[in-house]
C-alpha atoms as a PDB file:
ATOM      1  CA  MET A   1       4.853  14.870 -10.875  1.00  0.00           C
ATOM      2  CA  GLN A   2       6.379  12.773 -13.536  1.00  0.00           C
ATOM      3  CA  THR A   3       4.080  11.549 -16.322  1.00  0.00           C
ATOM      4  CA  ARG A   4       4.450   8.533 -18.598  1.00  0.00           C
ATOM      5  CA  PRO A   5       2.829   7.444 -21.878  1.00  0.00           C
ATOM      6  CA  LEU A   6      -0.235   5.187 -21.557  1.00  0.00           C
ATOM      7  CA  GLY A   7       0.959   2.638 -24.204  1.00  0.00           C
ATOM      8  CA  THR A   8       0.783   3.982 -27.634  1.00  0.00           C
ATOM      9  CA  THR A   9      -2.406   6.031 -27.048  1.00  0.00           C
ATOM     10  CA  GLY A  10      -0.972   9.431 -26.760  1.00  0.00           C
ATOM     11  CA  ILE A  11      -2.497   9.773 -23.338  1.00  0.00           C
ATOM     12  CA  GLU A  12      -0.045  10.882 -20.612  1.00  0.00           C
ATOM     13  CA  VAL A  13      -0.780   9.648 -17.060  1.00  0.00           C
ATOM     14  CA  SER A  14       0.872  10.616 -13.794  1.00  0.00           C
ATOM     15  CA  ARG A  15       3.400   8.196 -12.413  1.00  0.00           C
ATOM     16  CA  LEU A  16       1.211   7.955  -9.211  1.00  0.00           C
ATOM     17  CA  CYS A  17      -2.360   6.958  -9.677  1.00  0.00           C
ATOM     18  CA  LEU A  18      -5.101   7.261  -7.025  1.00  0.00           C
ATOM     19  CA  GLY A  19      -6.566   4.039  -6.182  1.00  0.00           C
ATOM     20  CA  THR A  20     -10.122   4.225  -4.821  1.00  0.00           C
ATOM     21  CA  MET A  21     -11.372   0.675  -3.791  1.00  0.00           C
ATOM     22  CA  THR A  22     -11.905   1.977  -0.212  1.00  0.00           C
ATOM     23  CA  PHE A  23     -14.369   4.637  -1.267  1.00  0.00           C
ATOM     24  CA  GLY A  24     -17.833   3.530   0.035  1.00  0.00           C
ATOM     25  CA  GLU A  25     -16.509   1.002   2.568  1.00  0.00           C
ATOM     26  CA  GLN A  26     -13.701   2.435   4.636  1.00  0.00           C
ATOM     27  CA  ASN A  27     -13.984   5.917   3.245  1.00  0.00           C
ATOM     28  CA  SER A  28     -17.175   8.154   3.248  1.00  0.00           C
ATOM     29  CA  GLU A  29     -18.180  10.235   0.284  1.00  0.00           C
ATOM     30  CA  ALA A  30     -16.738  13.483   1.801  1.00  0.00           C
ATOM     31  CA  GLU A  31     -13.413  11.648   2.581  1.00  0.00           C
ATOM     32  CA  ALA A  32     -13.294  10.342  -1.011  1.00  0.00           C
ATOM     33  CA  HIS A  33     -13.751  13.849  -2.259  1.00  0.00           C
ATOM     34  CA  GLU A  34     -11.130  15.150  -0.020  1.00  0.00           C
ATOM     35  CA  GLN A  35      -8.616  12.550  -1.254  1.00  0.00           C
ATOM     36  CA  LEU A  36      -9.511  13.190  -4.874  1.00  0.00           C
ATOM     37  CA  ASP A  37      -8.999  16.942  -4.348  1.00  0.00           C
ATOM     38  CA  ARG A  38      -5.564  16.453  -2.700  1.00  0.00           C
ATOM     39  CA  ALA A  39      -4.330  14.051  -5.251  1.00  0.00           C
ATOM     40  CA  VAL A  40      -5.199  16.393  -8.046  1.00  0.00           C
ATOM     41  CA  ALA A  41      -3.733  19.329  -6.262  1.00  0.00           C
ATOM     42  CA  PHE A  42      -0.428  17.342  -5.874  1.00  0.00           C
ATOM     43  CA  GLY A  43      -0.320  16.606  -9.658  1.00  0.00           C
ATOM     44  CA  ILE A  44      -2.035  13.246 -10.055  1.00  0.00           C
ATOM     45  CA  ASN A  45      -4.234  13.172 -13.155  1.00  0.00           C
ATOM     46  CA  PHE A  46      -4.969   9.390 -13.123  1.00  0.00           C
ATOM     47  CA  ILE A  47      -7.803   7.812 -10.979  1.00  0.00           C
ATOM     48  CA  ASP A  48      -8.498   4.119 -11.057  1.00  0.00           C
ATOM     49  CA  THR A  49     -11.721   2.468 -10.020  1.00  0.00           C
ATOM     50  CA  ALA A  50     -13.936  -0.567 -11.070  1.00  0.00           C
ATOM     51  CA  GLU A  51     -17.561  -1.475 -11.136  1.00  0.00           C
ATOM     52  CA  MET A  52     -17.141  -4.109  -8.341  1.00  0.00           C
ATOM     53  CA  TYR A  53     -15.734  -1.440  -5.787  1.00  0.00           C
ATOM     54  CA  PRO A  54     -15.608  -0.996  -2.970  1.00  0.00           C
ATOM     55  CA  VAL A  55     -13.700  -3.943  -1.595  1.00  0.00           C
ATOM     56  CA  PRO A  56     -14.664  -6.251  -0.024  1.00  0.00           C
ATOM     57  CA  PRO A  57     -17.298  -6.673  -2.810  1.00  0.00           C
ATOM     58  CA  LYS A  58     -20.839  -6.830  -1.582  1.00  0.00           C
ATOM     59  CA  ALA A  59     -24.174  -6.520  -3.456  1.00  0.00           C
ATOM     60  CA  GLU A  60     -25.299  -3.633  -1.241  1.00  0.00           C
ATOM     61  CA  THR A  61     -22.251  -1.473  -1.885  1.00  0.00           C
ATOM     62  CA  GLN A  62     -21.327  -2.447  -5.459  1.00  0.00           C
ATOM     63  CA  GLY A  63     -20.885   0.484  -7.606  1.00  0.00           C
ATOM     64  CA  ARG A  64     -20.627   3.059  -4.743  1.00  0.00           C
ATOM     65  CA  THR A  65     -17.001   3.898  -5.494  1.00  0.00           C
ATOM     66  CA  GLU A  66     -17.744   4.975  -9.057  1.00  0.00           C
ATOM     67  CA  ALA A  67     -20.782   7.002  -7.711  1.00  0.00           C
ATOM     68  CA  TYR A  68     -18.512   8.873  -5.340  1.00  0.00           C
ATOM     69  CA  ILE A  69     -16.066   9.705  -8.145  1.00  0.00           C
ATOM     70  CA  GLY A  70     -19.126  10.735 -10.244  1.00  0.00           C
ATOM     71  CA  SER A  71     -20.363  13.085  -7.694  1.00  0.00           C
ATOM     72  CA  TRP A  72     -16.982  14.649  -7.309  1.00  0.00           C
ATOM     73  CA  LEU A  73     -16.687  15.127 -11.074  1.00  0.00           C
ATOM     74  CA  LYS A  74     -20.030  16.782 -11.246  1.00  0.00           C
ATOM     75  CA  GLN A  75     -19.229  19.115  -8.273  1.00  0.00           C
ATOM     76  CA  ARG A  76     -15.856  20.071  -9.519  1.00  0.00           C
ATOM     77  CA  GLY A  77     -16.556  20.236 -13.125  1.00  0.00           C
ATOM     78  CA  SER A  78     -13.078  18.850 -13.849  1.00  0.00           C
ATOM     79  CA  ARG A  79     -13.766  15.933 -16.193  1.00  0.00           C
ATOM     80  CA  ASP A  80     -11.362  16.816 -18.870  1.00  0.00           C
ATOM     81  CA  ASP A  81      -8.472  17.410 -16.401  1.00  0.00           C
ATOM     82  CA  VAL A  82      -8.345  13.782 -15.134  1.00  0.00           C
ATOM     83  CA  ILE A  83      -7.869  10.303 -16.702  1.00  0.00           C
ATOM     84  CA  ILE A  84     -10.468   7.975 -15.401  1.00  0.00           C
ATOM     85  CA  ALA A  85      -9.750   4.232 -15.521  1.00  0.00           C
ATOM     86  CA  THR A  86     -12.446   1.603 -14.527  1.00  0.00           C
ATOM     87  CA  LYS A  87     -12.749  -2.058 -14.939  1.00  0.00           C
ATOM     88  CA  ALA A  88     -15.381  -4.755 -15.875  1.00  0.00           C
ATOM     89  CA  ALA A  89     -15.527  -7.719 -13.543  1.00  0.00           C
ATOM     90  CA  GLY A  90     -14.943 -11.152 -14.749  1.00  0.00           C
ATOM     91  CA  PRO A  91     -16.634 -14.451 -13.537  1.00  0.00           C
ATOM     92  CA  GLY A  92     -17.297 -15.169  -9.886  1.00  0.00           C
ATOM     93  CA  LEU A  93     -19.351 -12.313  -8.428  1.00  0.00           C
ATOM     94  CA  ASP A  94     -23.048 -13.268  -8.894  1.00  0.00           C
ATOM     95  CA  HIS A  95     -24.449 -10.026  -7.551  1.00  0.00           C
ATOM     96  CA  ILE A  96     -23.037  -8.179 -10.633  1.00  0.00           C
ATOM     97  CA  ARG A  97     -25.131  -8.609 -13.702  1.00  0.00           C
ATOM     98  CA  GLY A  98     -26.455 -11.967 -12.410  1.00  0.00           C
ATOM     99  CA  GLY A  99     -22.905 -13.460 -12.791  1.00  0.00           C
ATOM    100  CA  PRO A 100     -20.451 -11.373 -14.906  1.00  0.00           C
ATOM    101  CA  ARG A 101     -18.825 -12.525 -18.015  1.00  0.00           C
ATOM    102  CA  LEU A 102     -16.678 -10.493 -20.499  1.00  0.00           C
ATOM    103  CA  SER A 103     -19.151 -11.101 -23.311  1.00  0.00           C
ATOM    104  CA  ARG A 104     -20.315  -8.535 -25.913  1.00  0.00           C
ATOM    105  CA  GLU A 105     -23.658  -8.051 -24.340  1.00  0.00           C
ATOM    106  CA  GLN A 106     -22.350  -7.836 -20.779  1.00  0.00           C
ATOM    107  CA  LEU A 107     -19.500  -5.410 -21.597  1.00  0.00           C
ATOM    108  CA  HIS A 108     -21.938  -3.018 -23.055  1.00  0.00           C
ATOM    109  CA  GLN A 109     -24.056  -3.311 -20.122  1.00  0.00           C
ATOM    110  CA  ALA A 110     -21.145  -2.858 -17.814  1.00  0.00           C
ATOM    111  CA  VAL A 111     -19.834   0.252 -19.584  1.00  0.00           C
ATOM    112  CA  ASP A 112     -23.168   1.960 -19.598  1.00  0.00           C
ATOM    113  CA  ALA A 113     -23.714   1.318 -15.910  1.00  0.00           C
ATOM    114  CA  SER A 114     -20.251   2.678 -15.093  1.00  0.00           C
ATOM    115  CA  LEU A 115     -20.820   5.783 -17.198  1.00  0.00           C
ATOM    116  CA  GLU A 116     -24.001   6.537 -15.347  1.00  0.00           C
ATOM    117  CA  ARG A 117     -22.476   6.115 -11.884  1.00  0.00           C
ATOM    118  CA  LEU A 118     -19.422   8.200 -12.997  1.00  0.00           C
ATOM    119  CA  GLN A 119     -21.764  10.875 -14.489  1.00  0.00           C
ATOM    120  CA  THR A 120     -19.586  11.097 -17.602  1.00  0.00           C
ATOM    121  CA  ASP A 121     -20.139  10.145 -21.230  1.00  0.00           C
ATOM    122  CA  TYR A 122     -16.686   8.355 -21.613  1.00  0.00           C
ATOM    123  CA  VAL A 123     -13.954   6.578 -19.630  1.00  0.00           C
ATOM    124  CA  ASP A 124     -10.253   7.134 -20.565  1.00  0.00           C
ATOM    125  CA  LEU A 125      -9.171   3.560 -19.976  1.00  0.00           C
ATOM    126  CA  TYR A 126     -11.455   0.486 -19.767  1.00  0.00           C
ATOM    127  CA  GLN A 127      -9.951  -2.628 -18.360  1.00  0.00           C
ATOM    128  CA  LEU A 128     -11.041  -6.188 -18.121  1.00  0.00           C
ATOM    129  CA  HIS A 129     -10.536  -6.857 -14.439  1.00  0.00           C
ATOM    130  CA  TRP A 130      -9.625 -10.420 -14.605  1.00  0.00           C
ATOM    131  CA  PRO A 131      -9.666 -13.084 -17.319  1.00  0.00           C
ATOM    132  CA  ASP A 132     -12.855 -14.879 -18.385  1.00  0.00           C
ATOM    133  CA  ARG A 133     -10.927 -18.168 -18.219  1.00  0.00           C
ATOM    134  CA  LYS A 134      -9.241 -20.298 -15.561  1.00  0.00           C
ATOM    135  CA  THR A 135      -5.698 -19.226 -15.210  1.00  0.00           C
ATOM    136  CA  ASN A 136      -3.208 -17.813 -12.730  1.00  0.00           C
ATOM    137  CA  TYR A 137      -4.389 -14.562 -11.047  1.00  0.00           C
ATOM    138  CA  PHE A 138      -4.990 -13.374  -7.547  1.00  0.00           C
ATOM    139  CA  GLY A 139      -2.161 -15.548  -6.283  1.00  0.00           C
ATOM    140  CA  ARG A 140      -3.151 -18.736  -7.831  1.00  0.00           C
ATOM    141  CA  LEU A 141      -0.305 -21.236  -8.025  1.00  0.00           C
ATOM    142  CA  GLY A 142       0.172 -24.146 -10.396  1.00  0.00           C
ATOM    143  CA  TYR A 143      -1.725 -24.636 -13.575  1.00  0.00           C
ATOM    144  CA  GLU A 144      -4.412 -27.053 -14.691  1.00  0.00           C
ATOM    145  CA  HIS A 145      -6.139 -26.835 -18.003  1.00  0.00           C
ATOM    146  CA  ASP A 146      -9.874 -27.593 -18.050  1.00  0.00           C
ATOM    147  CA  GLU A 147     -10.907 -29.146 -21.316  1.00  0.00           C
ATOM    148  CA  GLU A 148     -14.648 -28.391 -20.504  1.00  0.00           C
ATOM    149  CA  GLU A 149     -14.092 -24.831 -19.357  1.00  0.00           C
ATOM    150  CA  GLN A 150     -16.807 -22.443 -20.302  1.00  0.00           C
ATOM    151  CA  SER A 151     -15.344 -19.032 -20.946  1.00  0.00           C
ATOM    152  CA  THR A 152     -15.747 -15.951 -23.321  1.00  0.00           C
ATOM    153  CA  ASP A 153     -13.156 -15.894 -26.040  1.00  0.00           C
ATOM    154  CA  LEU A 154     -10.877 -12.939 -25.894  1.00  0.00           C
ATOM    155  CA  GLU A 155     -11.805 -12.106 -29.546  1.00  0.00           C
ATOM    156  CA  GLU A 156     -15.382 -11.508 -28.551  1.00  0.00           C
ATOM    157  CA  SER A 157     -14.361  -9.297 -25.623  1.00  0.00           C
ATOM    158  CA  LEU A 158     -12.067  -7.230 -27.785  1.00  0.00           C
ATOM    159  CA  SER A 159     -14.609  -6.938 -30.530  1.00  0.00           C
ATOM    160  CA  ALA A 160     -17.011  -5.559 -28.029  1.00  0.00           C
ATOM    161  CA  LEU A 161     -14.456  -3.138 -26.717  1.00  0.00           C
ATOM    162  CA  LYS A 162     -13.816  -1.949 -30.312  1.00  0.00           C
ATOM    163  CA  GLU A 163     -17.524  -1.201 -30.541  1.00  0.00           C
ATOM    164  CA  LEU A 164     -17.284   0.886 -27.324  1.00  0.00           C
ATOM    165  CA  VAL A 165     -14.241   2.676 -28.644  1.00  0.00           C
ATOM    166  CA  ASP A 166     -15.936   3.400 -31.863  1.00  0.00           C
ATOM    167  CA  ALA A 167     -19.003   4.760 -30.089  1.00  0.00           C
ATOM    168  CA  GLY A 168     -16.799   7.269 -28.144  1.00  0.00           C
ATOM    169  CA  LYS A 169     -17.630   5.654 -24.778  1.00  0.00           C
ATOM    170  CA  VAL A 170     -14.033   4.404 -24.216  1.00  0.00           C
ATOM    171  CA  ARG A 171     -10.760   5.992 -25.267  1.00  0.00           C
ATOM    172  CA  ALA A 172      -8.258   3.165 -24.575  1.00  0.00           C
ATOM    173  CA  ILE A 173      -8.382  -0.408 -23.326  1.00  0.00           C
ATOM    174  CA  GLY A 174      -6.375  -2.415 -20.867  1.00  0.00           C
ATOM    175  CA  LEU A 175      -6.101  -5.778 -19.179  1.00  0.00           C
ATOM    176  CA  SER A 176      -5.756  -6.643 -15.420  1.00  0.00           C
ATOM    177  CA  ASN A 177      -4.619  -9.616 -13.538  1.00  0.00           C
ATOM    178  CA  GLU A 178      -3.406 -11.021 -16.837  1.00  0.00           C
ATOM    179  CA  THR A 179      -0.681 -13.539 -17.902  1.00  0.00           C
ATOM    180  CA  PRO A 180       1.843 -13.295 -20.527  1.00  0.00           C
ATOM    181  CA  TRP A 181      -0.142 -15.517 -22.855  1.00  0.00           C
ATOM    182  CA  GLY A 182      -3.143 -13.271 -22.320  1.00  0.00           C
ATOM    183  CA  VAL A 183      -1.422 -10.085 -23.109  1.00  0.00           C
ATOM    184  CA  MET A 184       0.293 -11.500 -26.239  1.00  0.00           C
ATOM    185  CA  ARG A 185      -2.996 -13.096 -27.381  1.00  0.00           C
ATOM    186  CA  ALA A 186      -4.768  -9.705 -27.079  1.00  0.00           C
ATOM    187  CA  LEU A 187      -1.925  -8.039 -29.060  1.00  0.00           C
ATOM    188  CA  HIS A 188      -2.109 -10.702 -31.783  1.00  0.00           C
ATOM    189  CA  LEU A 189      -5.811 -10.322 -32.170  1.00  0.00           C
ATOM    190  CA  ALA A 190      -5.492  -6.548 -32.389  1.00  0.00           C
ATOM    191  CA  GLU A 191      -2.879  -6.724 -34.952  1.00  0.00           C
ATOM    192  CA  THR A 192      -4.580  -9.370 -37.146  1.00  0.00           C
ATOM    193  CA  LEU A 193      -8.185  -8.420 -36.776  1.00  0.00           C
ATOM    194  CA  GLY A 194      -7.926  -4.586 -36.546  1.00  0.00           C
ATOM    195  CA  LEU A 195      -9.138  -4.600 -32.924  1.00  0.00           C
ATOM    196  CA  PRO A 196      -8.079  -2.100 -30.227  1.00  0.00           C
ATOM    197  CA  ARG A 197      -4.522  -2.519 -28.871  1.00  0.00           C
ATOM    198  CA  VAL A 198      -4.246  -2.863 -25.166  1.00  0.00           C
ATOM    199  CA  ALA A 199      -2.456   0.073 -23.572  1.00  0.00           C
ATOM    200  CA  SER A 200      -1.640  -1.431 -20.180  1.00  0.00           C
ATOM    201  CA  VAL A 201      -1.950  -4.210 -17.726  1.00  0.00           C
ATOM    202  CA  GLN A 202      -2.934  -3.724 -14.108  1.00  0.00           C
ATOM    203  CA  ASN A 203      -1.161  -6.534 -12.104  1.00  0.00           C
ATOM    204  CA  PRO A 204       0.202  -6.695  -8.524  1.00  0.00           C
ATOM    205  CA  TYR A 205       3.696  -5.529  -7.970  1.00  0.00           C
ATOM    206  CA  SER A 206       5.590  -4.891  -4.828  1.00  0.00           C
ATOM    207  CA  LEU A 207       8.667  -5.850  -2.881  1.00  0.00           C
ATOM    208  CA  LEU A 208       6.764  -8.965  -1.895  1.00  0.00           C
ATOM    209  CA  ASN A 209       5.559  -9.849  -5.369  1.00  0.00           C
ATOM    210  CA  ARG A 210       7.867  -9.129  -8.268  1.00  0.00           C
ATOM    211  CA  THR A 211       6.479 -11.971 -10.460  1.00  0.00           C
ATOM    212  CA  PHE A 212       5.694  -9.370 -13.120  1.00  0.00           C
ATOM    213  CA  GLU A 213       9.439  -9.225 -13.893  1.00  0.00           C
ATOM    214  CA  VAL A 214       9.306 -12.705 -15.299  1.00  0.00           C
ATOM    215  CA  GLY A 215       7.781 -12.614 -18.867  1.00  0.00           C
ATOM    216  CA  MET A 216       5.553  -9.666 -18.368  1.00  0.00           C
ATOM    217  CA  ALA A 217       8.237  -6.972 -17.944  1.00  0.00           C
ATOM    218  CA  GLU A 218       9.759  -7.862 -21.268  1.00  0.00           C
ATOM    219  CA  ILE A 219       6.382  -7.573 -22.892  1.00  0.00           C
ATOM    220  CA  ALA A 220       5.850  -4.204 -21.250  1.00  0.00           C
ATOM    221  CA  HIS A 221       9.088  -3.011 -22.706  1.00  0.00           C
ATOM    222  CA  ARG A 222       8.990  -4.506 -26.227  1.00  0.00           C
ATOM    223  CA  GLU A 223       5.310  -4.138 -26.743  1.00  0.00           C
ATOM    224  CA  GLN A 224       4.713  -0.781 -24.894  1.00  0.00           C
ATOM    225  CA  VAL A 225       2.123  -2.309 -22.615  1.00  0.00           C
ATOM    226  CA  GLY A 226       3.217  -0.883 -19.297  1.00  0.00           C
ATOM    227  CA  LEU A 227       2.405  -1.915 -15.772  1.00  0.00           C
ATOM    228  CA  LEU A 228      -0.262  -0.221 -13.640  1.00  0.00           C
ATOM    229  CA  ALA A 229       1.024  -1.595 -10.374  1.00  0.00           C
ATOM    230  CA  TYR A 230      -1.619  -2.447  -7.716  1.00  0.00           C
ATOM    231  CA  SER A 231      -0.977  -3.390  -4.099  1.00  0.00           C
ATOM    232  CA  PRO A 232       2.457  -1.748  -4.139  1.00  0.00           C
ATOM    233  CA  LEU A 233       2.348  -1.708  -0.236  1.00  0.00           C
ATOM    234  CA  ALA A 234       1.053  -5.369  -0.129  1.00  0.00           C
ATOM    235  CA  PHE A 235      -2.171  -4.327   1.608  1.00  0.00           C
ATOM    236  CA  GLY A 236      -0.117  -2.231   3.929  1.00  0.00           C
ATOM    237  CA  VAL A 237       2.226  -4.977   5.119  1.00  0.00           C
ATOM    238  CA  LEU A 238       5.265  -3.150   3.792  1.00  0.00           C
ATOM    239  CA  SER A 239       4.439  -0.104   5.982  1.00  0.00           C
ATOM    240  CA  GLY A 240       5.420  -2.148   8.995  1.00  0.00           C
ATOM    241  CA  LYS A 241       2.283  -1.593  10.791  1.00  0.00           C
ATOM    242  CA  TYR A 242       1.459  -5.284  10.967  1.00  0.00           C
ATOM    243  CA  LEU A 243       4.819  -6.470  12.202  1.00  0.00           C
ATOM    244  CA  GLY A 244       4.865  -8.868  15.053  1.00  0.00           C
ATOM    245  CA  GLY A 245       1.265  -9.815  14.584  1.00  0.00           C
ATOM    246  CA  ALA A 246      -0.049  -6.205  15.241  1.00  0.00           C
ATOM    247  CA  ARG A 247      -3.512  -5.401  14.153  1.00  0.00           C
ATOM    248  CA  PRO A 248      -4.050  -1.612  14.335  1.00  0.00           C
ATOM    249  CA  GLU A 249      -7.627  -0.543  14.933  1.00  0.00           C
ATOM    250  CA  GLY A 250      -9.407   0.192  11.589  1.00  0.00           C
ATOM    251  CA  ALA A 251      -6.678  -1.219   9.405  1.00  0.00           C
ATOM    252  CA  ARG A 252      -7.659  -3.432   6.475  1.00  0.00           C
ATOM    253  CA  LEU A 253      -6.161  -6.636   7.761  1.00  0.00           C
ATOM    254  CA  THR A 254      -7.793  -5.987  11.144  1.00  0.00           C
ATOM    255  CA  LEU A 255     -11.237  -5.465   9.672  1.00  0.00           C
ATOM    256  CA  TYR A 256     -11.259  -8.138   6.953  1.00  0.00           C
ATOM    257  CA  GLU A 257     -10.102 -11.744   7.382  1.00  0.00           C
ATOM    258  CA  ARG A 258     -10.279 -12.375   3.576  1.00  0.00           C
ATOM    259  CA  PHE A 259      -7.096 -10.361   2.978  1.00  0.00           C
ATOM    260  CA  GLN A 260      -4.446 -13.065   3.563  1.00  0.00           C
ATOM    261  CA  ARG A 261      -2.448 -12.884   0.512  1.00  0.00           C
ATOM    262  CA  TYR A 262       0.594 -11.057   2.047  1.00  0.00           C
ATOM    263  CA  THR A 263       0.494 -12.319   5.504  1.00  0.00           C
ATOM    264  CA  ASN A 264       1.974 -15.893   5.237  1.00  0.00           C
ATOM    265  CA  PRO A 265       5.143 -16.466   7.437  1.00  0.00           C
ATOM    266  CA  GLU A 266       7.613 -16.038   4.522  1.00  0.00           C
ATOM    267  CA  ALA A 267       5.965 -12.715   3.536  1.00  0.00           C
ATOM    268  CA  GLU A 268       5.962 -11.436   6.945  1.00  0.00           C
ATOM    269  CA  ALA A 269       9.734 -12.308   7.458  1.00  0.00           C
ATOM    270  CA  ALA A 270      10.717 -10.572   4.203  1.00  0.00           C
ATOM    271  CA  ALA A 271       8.541  -7.615   5.065  1.00  0.00           C
ATOM    272  CA  ALA A 272      10.347  -7.187   8.399  1.00  0.00           C
ATOM    273  CA  GLU A 273      13.596  -7.129   6.511  1.00  0.00           C
ATOM    274  CA  TYR A 274      12.459  -4.533   4.110  1.00  0.00           C
ATOM    275  CA  VAL A 275      11.171  -2.387   6.821  1.00  0.00           C
ATOM    276  CA  GLN A 276      14.457  -2.629   8.661  1.00  0.00           C
ATOM    277  CA  ILE A 277      16.304  -1.596   5.488  1.00  0.00           C
ATOM    278  CA  ALA A 278      14.152   1.574   5.275  1.00  0.00           C
ATOM    279  CA  ARG A 279      14.598   2.347   8.982  1.00  0.00           C
ATOM    280  CA  ASP A 280      18.341   1.895   8.799  1.00  0.00           C
ATOM    281  CA  ALA A 281      18.458   4.392   5.883  1.00  0.00           C
ATOM    282  CA  GLY A 282      16.203   6.909   7.739  1.00  0.00           C
ATOM    283  CA  LEU A 283      13.292   6.267   5.394  1.00  0.00           C
ATOM    284  CA  ALA A 284       9.555   5.692   6.101  1.00  0.00           C
ATOM    285  CA  PRO A 285       8.982   2.053   5.130  1.00  0.00           C
ATOM    286  CA  ALA A 286       6.042   2.614   2.976  1.00  0.00           C
ATOM    287  CA  GLN A 287       7.775   5.482   1.076  1.00  0.00           C
ATOM    288  CA  MET A 288      10.712   3.212   0.369  1.00  0.00           C
ATOM    289  CA  ALA A 289       8.475   0.483  -0.915  1.00  0.00           C
ATOM    290  CA  LEU A 290       6.617   2.845  -3.133  1.00  0.00           C
ATOM    291  CA  ALA A 291       9.704   4.635  -4.357  1.00  0.00           C
ATOM    292  CA  TYR A 292      11.025   1.225  -5.475  1.00  0.00           C
ATOM    293  CA  VAL A 293       7.999   0.600  -7.576  1.00  0.00           C
ATOM    294  CA  ASN A 294       8.164   4.157  -8.964  1.00  0.00           C
ATOM    295  CA  SER A 295      11.714   3.411 -10.213  1.00  0.00           C
ATOM    296  CA  ARG A 296      10.877   0.380 -12.351  1.00  0.00           C
ATOM    297  CA  PRO A 297      11.426   1.012 -16.138  1.00  0.00           C
ATOM    298  CA  PHE A 298       8.364  -1.070 -17.057  1.00  0.00           C
ATOM    299  CA  LEU A 299       6.018   0.954 -14.909  1.00  0.00           C
ATOM    300  CA  THR A 300       3.421   3.241 -16.314  1.00  0.00           C
ATOM    301  CA  SER A 301       1.729   4.147 -13.025  1.00  0.00           C
ATOM    302  CA  ASN A 302       1.836   3.126  -9.429  1.00  0.00           C
ATOM    303  CA  ILE A 303      -1.690   2.818  -7.935  1.00  0.00           C
ATOM    304  CA  ILE A 304      -1.642   4.255  -4.355  1.00  0.00           C
ATOM    305  CA  GLY A 305      -4.436   3.941  -1.968  1.00  0.00           C
ATOM    306  CA  ALA A 306      -5.159   5.224   1.428  1.00  0.00           C
ATOM    307  CA  THR A 307      -7.873   5.327   4.101  1.00  0.00           C
ATOM    308  CA  SER A 308      -6.637   8.646   5.763  1.00  0.00           C
ATOM    309  CA  MET A 309      -5.304  11.747   4.640  1.00  0.00           C
ATOM    310  CA  GLU A 310      -2.159  11.131   6.695  1.00  0.00           C
ATOM    311  CA  GLN A 311      -1.590   7.921   4.673  1.00  0.00           C
ATOM    312  CA  LEU A 312      -2.298   9.720   1.447  1.00  0.00           C
ATOM    313  CA  GLU A 313       0.328  12.466   2.267  1.00  0.00           C
ATOM    314  CA  SER A 314       2.888   9.895   3.098  1.00  0.00           C
ATOM    315  CA  ASN A 315       2.240   8.070  -0.120  1.00  0.00           C
ATOM    316  CA  LEU A 316       2.423  11.203  -2.232  1.00  0.00           C
ATOM    317  CA  GLU A 317       5.847  12.056  -0.799  1.00  0.00           C
ATOM    318  CA  SER A 318       7.180   8.863  -2.482  1.00  0.00           C
ATOM    319  CA  GLU A 319       7.099  10.752  -5.784  1.00  0.00           C
ATOM    320  CA  GLY A 320      10.175  12.679  -4.914  1.00  0.00           C
ATOM    321  CA  LEU A 321      12.145   9.975  -3.243  1.00  0.00           C
ATOM    322  CA  ARG A 322      15.154   8.366  -5.032  1.00  0.00           C
ATOM    323  CA  LEU A 323      16.689   5.282  -3.469  1.00  0.00           C
ATOM    324  CA  ASP A 324      20.458   5.133  -3.429  1.00  0.00           C
ATOM    325  CA  SER A 325      22.575   2.209  -4.450  1.00  0.00           C
ATOM    326  CA  GLU A 326      23.026   0.910  -0.966  1.00  0.00           C
ATOM    327  CA  VAL A 327      19.382   0.625  -0.238  1.00  0.00           C
ATOM    328  CA  LEU A 328      18.680  -0.855  -3.682  1.00  0.00           C
ATOM    329  CA  GLU A 329      21.392  -3.524  -3.128  1.00  0.00           C
ATOM    330  CA  ALA A 330      19.997  -4.307   0.401  1.00  0.00           C
ATOM    331  CA  ILE A 331      16.565  -4.762  -1.260  1.00  0.00           C
ATOM    332  CA  GLU A 332      17.930  -7.041  -3.900  1.00  0.00           C
ATOM    333  CA  ALA A 333      19.747  -9.152  -1.289  1.00  0.00           C
ATOM    334  CA  VAL A 334      16.503  -9.806   0.511  1.00  0.00           C
ATOM    335  CA  HIS A 335      14.786 -10.619  -2.841  1.00  0.00           C
ATOM    336  CA  ARG A 336      17.507 -13.087  -3.731  1.00  0.00           C
ATOM    337  CA  ARG A 337      17.118 -14.975  -0.395  1.00  0.00           C
ATOM    338  CA  GLN A 338      13.287 -14.728  -0.353  1.00  0.00           C
ATOM    339  CA  PRO A 339      11.978 -14.150  -3.885  1.00  0.00           C
ATOM    340  CA  ASN A 340       8.125 -13.408  -4.250  1.00  0.00           C
ATOM    341  CA  PRO A 341       6.870 -14.762  -0.965  1.00  0.00           C
ATOM    342  CA  ALA A 342       3.412 -13.504  -1.789  1.00  0.00           C
ATOM    343  CA  PRO A 343       2.631 -14.093  -5.441  1.00  0.00           C
END
């Protein structure tokens, strides 16, 4: 398993990261532990979660994913062998802290609650799950500034994170679902005010959504704030299992109508082309899609998720896959015709 530096922190993380947002919804505690064991045995040292997980977010299950990871850490006694990343929710989910904001008070509350569920006294990477302001994330298009917007200033959030770092509860900090302005603003505040420097940004990146390449990739390279790529399979669309309107039993898009980001006609048409490229090359479509993400120079880690051990094993095999020039050119040809159909 290749490792890559987490920003300038000195922490080395595996190129594949185990995503856990299905733990507690589509996966039981025993299944979660089985996935964690297999991932670590394969060489993954990086595990990503969030206080709002599992997804879909609900009051009755909120925090269950962290709790499952916590029970695994306690049983295995392997805390120092893994890098644990979690996230604080931004505005919009009233069942979390009565309406989450990224304020000083709430970030302290959020970290303490996560540490309790995780049964640990520190997290390696603490991320702001999405901005505490109106901007372009979760596929939002266009931009309209709200002069009366009520938001927490990023300086307050970063100052609170400094307190958590100084207290030993957090080793490094990161952003998620962020824009180029947000990342550069955070870096500016860190440099001018002596606040913690963001180590990474967790944004969507896949064959259907390469918007990170515009603006953000240059920041990742020049500022050493690498990408933690989420949804590298576009909710499973790039595996080919949903082609032709298919909805396999138990699959995410079958169970939950809310996940429509990668199922518009343009995205489905592009996905069909990518799947055909893989099949023509004798590759598993999901492995080809993951291998493409793995190969990007601005990537720090690729967050893979699975609801079955069969899916996890297939995803793990992408670590050893190198795409040849013909496959890469075929991928680029589709991207030129249909760029970012699911931003």
